């Protein structure tokens, strides 16, 4: 049985970048964030988190919710809006910059 190639679209790329940017803004390592997720009842390894941040692994809804909680942000902060889908690099910076301001400000 052939497996489908992993295709992650603009929203997934934005989410992956947002997770990494906010994690770094908080000064957390991947290991620390994965441990927080595990402590919240969603077992996650730092390898799984790394693959998610590099868009080599899909971030399912359960992962998204617990990662957002572990980062202390609403899940919507990690998601892009329809207007931002055309430019994931810019939207990741814009959305995460705003989230970082809230987190750090």
C-alpha atoms as a PDB file:
ATOM      1  CA  UNK A   1       0.000   0.000   0.000  1.00  0.00           C
ATOM      2  CA  UNK A   2       1.429   3.345  -1.066  1.00  0.00           C
ATOM      3  CA  UNK A   3       1.427   6.236   1.367  1.00  0.00           C
ATOM      4  CA  UNK A   4       0.415   9.713   0.334  1.00  0.00           C
ATOM      5  CA  UNK A   5       3.141  12.337   0.389  1.00  0.00           C
ATOM      6  CA  UNK A   6       2.930  14.783   3.257  1.00  0.00           C
ATOM      7  CA  UNK A   7       1.500  18.009   1.900  1.00  0.00           C
ATOM      8  CA  UNK A   8       1.316  20.899   4.316  1.00  0.00           C
ATOM      9  CA  UNK A   9      -0.411  23.969   2.973  1.00  0.00           C
ATOM     10  CA  UNK A  10      -0.011  27.663   3.808  1.00  0.00           C
ATOM     11  CA  UNK A  11      -2.054  27.446   7.026  1.00  0.00           C
ATOM     12  CA  UNK A  12       0.056  24.520   8.247  1.00  0.00           C
ATOM     13  CA  UNK A  13       3.275  26.361   7.390  1.00  0.00           C
ATOM     14  CA  UNK A  14       2.056  29.441   9.226  1.00  0.00           C
ATOM     15  CA  UNK A  15       1.153  27.352  12.274  1.00  0.00           C
ATOM     16  CA  UNK A  16       4.546  25.622  12.288  1.00  0.00           C
ATOM     17  CA  UNK A  17       6.347  28.968  12.152  1.00  0.00           C
ATOM     18  CA  UNK A  18       4.086  30.486  14.790  1.00  0.00           C
ATOM     19  CA  UNK A  19       4.780  27.651  17.226  1.00  0.00           C
ATOM     20  CA  UNK A  20       8.522  28.067  16.805  1.00  0.00           C
ATOM     21  CA  UNK A  21       8.518  31.875  17.010  1.00  0.00           C
ATOM     22  CA  UNK A  22       6.397  31.980  20.163  1.00  0.00           C
ATOM     23  CA  UNK A  23       8.379  29.153  21.770  1.00  0.00           C
ATOM     24  CA  UNK A  24      11.612  31.039  21.118  1.00  0.00           C
ATOM     25  CA  UNK A  25      10.119  34.323  22.337  1.00  0.00           C
ATOM     26  CA  UNK A  26       9.311  32.567  25.616  1.00  0.00           C
ATOM     27  CA  UNK A  27      12.839  31.167  25.846  1.00  0.00           C
ATOM     28  CA  UNK A  28      11.670  27.555  25.754  1.00  0.00           C
ATOM     29  CA  UNK A  29      13.548  24.679  24.169  1.00  0.00           C
ATOM     30  CA  UNK A  30      11.685  22.095  22.127  1.00  0.00           C
ATOM     31  CA  UNK A  31      12.310  19.623  24.930  1.00  0.00           C
ATOM     32  CA  UNK A  32      10.746  21.978  27.493  1.00  0.00           C
ATOM     33  CA  UNK A  33       7.673  22.647  25.350  1.00  0.00           C
ATOM     34  CA  UNK A  34       7.232  18.946  24.601  1.00  0.00           C
ATOM     35  CA  UNK A  35       7.499  18.217  28.345  1.00  0.00           C
ATOM     36  CA  UNK A  36       4.811  20.827  29.046  1.00  0.00           C
ATOM     37  CA  UNK A  37       2.528  19.188  26.479  1.00  0.00           C
ATOM     38  CA  UNK A  38       3.158  15.768  28.004  1.00  0.00           C
ATOM     39  CA  UNK A  39       2.437  17.106  31.496  1.00  0.00           C
ATOM     40  CA  UNK A  40      -0.874  18.473  30.178  1.00  0.00           C
ATOM     41  CA  UNK A  41      -1.900  14.967  29.096  1.00  0.00           C
ATOM     42  CA  UNK A  42      -0.830  15.000  25.436  1.00  0.00           C
ATOM     43  CA  UNK A  43       2.347  12.904  25.207  1.00  0.00           C
ATOM     44  CA  UNK A  44       4.798  14.571  22.852  1.00  0.00           C
ATOM     45  CA  UNK A  45       8.490  14.106  22.214  1.00  0.00           C
ATOM     46  CA  UNK A  46      10.854  16.888  21.269  1.00  0.00           C
ATOM     47  CA  UNK A  47      11.372  15.025  17.975  1.00  0.00           C
ATOM     48  CA  UNK A  48       7.649  15.249  17.207  1.00  0.00           C
ATOM     49  CA  UNK A  49       7.678  18.941  18.087  1.00  0.00           C
ATOM     50  CA  UNK A  50      10.766  19.526  15.938  1.00  0.00           C
ATOM     51  CA  UNK A  51       9.130  17.791  12.989  1.00  0.00           C
ATOM     52  CA  UNK A  52       5.986  19.881  13.515  1.00  0.00           C
ATOM     53  CA  UNK A  53       7.963  23.153  13.607  1.00  0.00           C
ATOM     54  CA  UNK A  54       9.859  22.191  10.437  1.00  0.00           C
ATOM     55  CA  UNK A  55       6.555  21.266   8.721  1.00  0.00           C
ATOM     56  CA  UNK A  56       7.670  17.650   8.344  1.00  0.00           C
ATOM     57  CA  UNK A  57       4.743  16.510  10.500  1.00  0.00           C
ATOM     58  CA  UNK A  58       1.157  17.680  10.505  1.00  0.00           C
ATOM     59  CA  UNK A  59      -0.091  19.420  13.612  1.00  0.00           C
ATOM     60  CA  UNK A  60      -3.459  17.849  14.359  1.00  0.00           C
ATOM     61  CA  UNK A  61      -6.124  19.704  16.293  1.00  0.00           C
ATOM     62  CA  UNK A  62      -5.354  17.972  19.599  1.00  0.00           C
ATOM     63  CA  UNK A  63      -1.671  18.877  19.280  1.00  0.00           C
ATOM     64  CA  UNK A  64      -2.566  22.457  18.323  1.00  0.00           C
ATOM     65  CA  UNK A  65      -4.779  22.959  21.365  1.00  0.00           C
ATOM     66  CA  UNK A  66      -2.258  21.572  23.858  1.00  0.00           C
ATOM     67  CA  UNK A  67       0.717  23.353  22.259  1.00  0.00           C
ATOM     68  CA  UNK A  68      -1.183  26.650  22.422  1.00  0.00           C
ATOM     69  CA  UNK A  69      -2.065  26.030  26.083  1.00  0.00           C
ATOM     70  CA  UNK A  70       1.548  25.102  26.863  1.00  0.00           C
ATOM     71  CA  UNK A  71       2.657  28.353  25.205  1.00  0.00           C
ATOM     72  CA  UNK A  72       0.010  30.322  27.096  1.00  0.00           C
ATOM     73  CA  UNK A  73      -1.789  31.593  24.000  1.00  0.00           C
ATOM     74  CA  UNK A  74      -5.213  30.902  22.489  1.00  0.00           C
ATOM     75  CA  UNK A  75      -5.108  28.329  19.673  1.00  0.00           C
ATOM     76  CA  UNK A  76      -6.242  31.021  17.231  1.00  0.00           C
ATOM     77  CA  UNK A  77      -2.907  32.802  17.673  1.00  0.00           C
ATOM     78  CA  UNK A  78      -1.228  29.814  16.010  1.00  0.00           C
ATOM     79  CA  UNK A  79      -3.654  29.784  13.086  1.00  0.00           C
ATOM     80  CA  UNK A  80      -3.591  32.105  10.124  1.00  0.00           C
ATOM     81  CA  UNK A  81      -6.576  33.963   8.791  1.00  0.00           C
ATOM     82  CA  UNK A  82      -7.805  33.623   5.219  1.00  0.00           C
ATOM     83  CA  UNK A  83      -6.285  36.988   4.288  1.00  0.00           C
ATOM     84  CA  UNK A  84      -2.865  35.830   5.394  1.00  0.00           C
ATOM     85  CA  UNK A  85      -2.830  32.482   3.610  1.00  0.00           C
ATOM     86  CA  UNK A  86      -1.353  33.910   0.423  1.00  0.00           C
ATOM     87  CA  UNK A  87       1.787  35.083   2.214  1.00  0.00           C
ATOM     88  CA  UNK A  88       2.647  32.625   5.000  1.00  0.00           C
ATOM     89  CA  UNK A  89       6.097  34.107   5.677  1.00  0.00           C
ATOM     90  CA  UNK A  90       4.731  37.580   6.200  1.00  0.00           C
ATOM     91  CA  UNK A  91       1.702  36.410   8.127  1.00  0.00           C
ATOM     92  CA  UNK A  92       3.822  34.322  10.491  1.00  0.00           C
ATOM     93  CA  UNK A  93       5.932  37.344  11.323  1.00  0.00           C
ATOM     94  CA  UNK A  94       2.907  39.649  11.639  1.00  0.00           C
ATOM     95  CA  UNK A  95       0.773  37.320  13.733  1.00  0.00           C
ATOM     96  CA  UNK A  96       3.592  36.123  15.944  1.00  0.00           C
ATOM     97  CA  UNK A  97       4.993  39.598  16.372  1.00  0.00           C
ATOM     98  CA  UNK A  98       1.621  40.630  17.782  1.00  0.00           C
ATOM     99  CA  UNK A  99       1.488  37.561  20.017  1.00  0.00           C
ATOM    100  CA  UNK A 100       5.020  38.208  21.226  1.00  0.00           C
ATOM    101  CA  UNK A 101       4.040  41.758  22.086  1.00  0.00           C
ATOM    102  CA  UNK A 102       1.186  40.467  24.203  1.00  0.00           C
ATOM    103  CA  UNK A 103       3.399  37.814  25.797  1.00  0.00           C
ATOM    104  CA  UNK A 104       6.368  40.070  26.425  1.00  0.00           C
ATOM    105  CA  UNK A 105       4.659  43.411  26.778  1.00  0.00           C
END
